[in-house]
Amino acid sequence: MKRLSISVMLAAAVLAGCDPSSGDGMGPAQKAGKAVDEAGTKVQDAVQKQMAEADAAAERAREKAKVAAAEASRNLDRATAKVGEKVEKAGEKMQEAAR
């Protein structure tokens, strides 16, 4: 009988030691799994945030490139027009000189 009562008390002590004190009903492996899941979520959130920032920066760069290309095109058109005017004036001078 003494052996049985000692066994029962030992089993109760072991079971009491396994009961999580936090009251969430999770064991060590479950807590570790939860920590890994939470860390993975944090990393995923950080990566998604960085990707969104990179996408926004790329979009700004594309817009700036469009503006720069349009400005370059306008400048080229102006330069072409000026060269055309100068060639025309030079041609007129050559015609006057030939008369």
Protein backbone atom coordinates (compact mmCIF):
# COMPACT_ATOMS: atom_id res chain seq x y z
CA MET A 1 0.00 0.00 0.00
CA LYS A 2 2.80 2.32 0.88
CA ARG A 3 4.38 1.59 -2.50
CA LEU A 4 1.13 2.35 -4.27
CA SER A 5 0.63 5.66 -2.49
CA ILE A 6 4.24 6.66 -3.21
CA SER A 7 3.71 5.74 -6.87
CA VAL A 8 0.50 7.78 -7.01
CA MET A 9 2.18 10.79 -5.38
CA LEU A 10 5.17 10.47 -7.72
CA ALA A 11 2.87 10.27 -10.75
CA ALA A 12 0.93 13.32 -9.52
CA ALA A 13 4.17 15.24 -9.02
CA VAL A 14 5.38 14.32 -12.50
CA LEU A 15 2.08 15.31 -14.05
CA ALA A 16 2.01 18.52 -12.06
CA GLY A 17 5.51 19.34 -13.32
CA CYS A 18 4.41 18.81 -16.92
CA ASP A 19 1.47 21.15 -16.56
CA PRO A 20 2.47 24.48 -18.10
CA SER A 21 2.44 27.28 -15.58
CA SER A 22 1.43 29.84 -18.21
CA GLY A 23 -2.00 28.30 -18.50
CA ASP A 24 -1.99 28.30 -22.29
CA GLY A 25 -1.97 24.51 -22.52
CA MET A 26 1.07 24.41 -24.80
CA GLY A 27 4.08 22.23 -24.25
CA PRO A 28 7.70 23.12 -25.00
CA ALA A 29 7.58 21.82 -28.58
CA GLN A 30 4.40 23.75 -29.26
CA LYS A 31 5.92 26.91 -27.79
CA ALA A 32 9.04 26.46 -29.91
CA GLY A 33 6.88 25.90 -33.00
CA LYS A 34 4.88 29.01 -32.22
CA ALA A 35 8.09 31.02 -31.81
CA VAL A 36 9.37 29.75 -35.17
CA ASP A 37 6.04 30.60 -36.82
CA GLU A 38 6.05 34.09 -35.33
CA ALA A 39 9.65 34.66 -36.42
CA GLY A 40 8.78 33.48 -39.93
CA THR A 41 5.83 35.85 -40.04
CA LYS A 42 8.01 38.76 -38.91
CA VAL A 43 10.60 37.98 -41.58
CA GLN A 44 7.91 37.63 -44.24
CA ASP A 45 6.37 40.96 -43.21
CA ALA A 46 9.76 42.67 -43.31
CA VAL A 47 10.55 41.23 -46.75
CA GLN A 48 7.15 42.28 -48.09
CA LYS A 49 7.65 45.78 -46.72
CA GLN A 50 11.08 46.02 -48.36
CA MET A 51 9.66 44.70 -51.64
CA ALA A 52 6.91 47.33 -51.53
CA GLU A 53 9.50 50.04 -50.90
CA ALA A 54 11.66 48.74 -53.76
CA ASP A 55 8.64 48.65 -56.07
CA ALA A 56 7.78 52.23 -55.15
CA ALA A 57 11.38 53.33 -55.76
CA ALA A 58 11.40 51.56 -59.12
CA GLU A 59 8.13 53.25 -60.08
CA ARG A 60 9.57 56.66 -59.15
CA ALA A 61 12.67 55.90 -61.21
CA ARG A 62 10.50 54.89 -64.20
CA GLU A 63 8.53 58.14 -63.93
CA LYS A 64 11.73 60.17 -63.72
CA ALA A 65 13.11 58.32 -66.75
CA LYS A 66 9.94 59.11 -68.72
CA VAL A 67 10.22 62.79 -67.81
CA ALA A 68 13.92 62.82 -68.71
CA ALA A 69 13.26 61.10 -72.04
CA ALA A 70 10.51 63.58 -72.89
CA GLU A 71 12.78 66.50 -71.99
CA ALA A 72 15.61 65.04 -74.07
CA SER A 73 13.23 64.66 -77.00
CA ARG A 74 12.11 68.30 -76.71
CA ASN A 75 15.74 69.43 -76.50
CA LEU A 76 16.63 67.37 -79.56
CA ASP A 77 13.71 68.87 -81.47
CA ARG A 78 14.85 72.40 -80.54
CA ALA A 79 18.44 71.63 -81.52
CA THR A 80 17.31 70.14 -84.83
CA ALA A 81 15.21 73.22 -85.55
CA LYS A 82 18.15 75.53 -84.77
CA VAL A 83 20.48 73.53 -87.01
CA GLY A 84 17.86 73.68 -89.76
CA GLU A 85 17.59 77.46 -89.42
CA LYS A 86 21.36 77.87 -89.57
CA VAL A 87 21.63 75.61 -92.63
CA GLU A 88 18.85 77.60 -94.30
CA LYS A 89 20.59 80.92 -93.54
CA ALA A 90 23.89 79.54 -94.82
CA GLY A 91 22.14 78.43 -98.02
CA GLU A 92 20.61 81.88 -98.48
CA LYS A 93 24.02 83.52 -98.00
CA MET A 94 25.52 81.17 -100.57
CA GLN A 95 22.78 82.05 -103.06
CA GLU A 96 23.27 85.78 -102.50
CA ALA A 97 27.00 85.41 -102.90
CA ALA A 98 26.51 83.50 -106.16
CA ARG A 99 24.41 86.36 -107.71
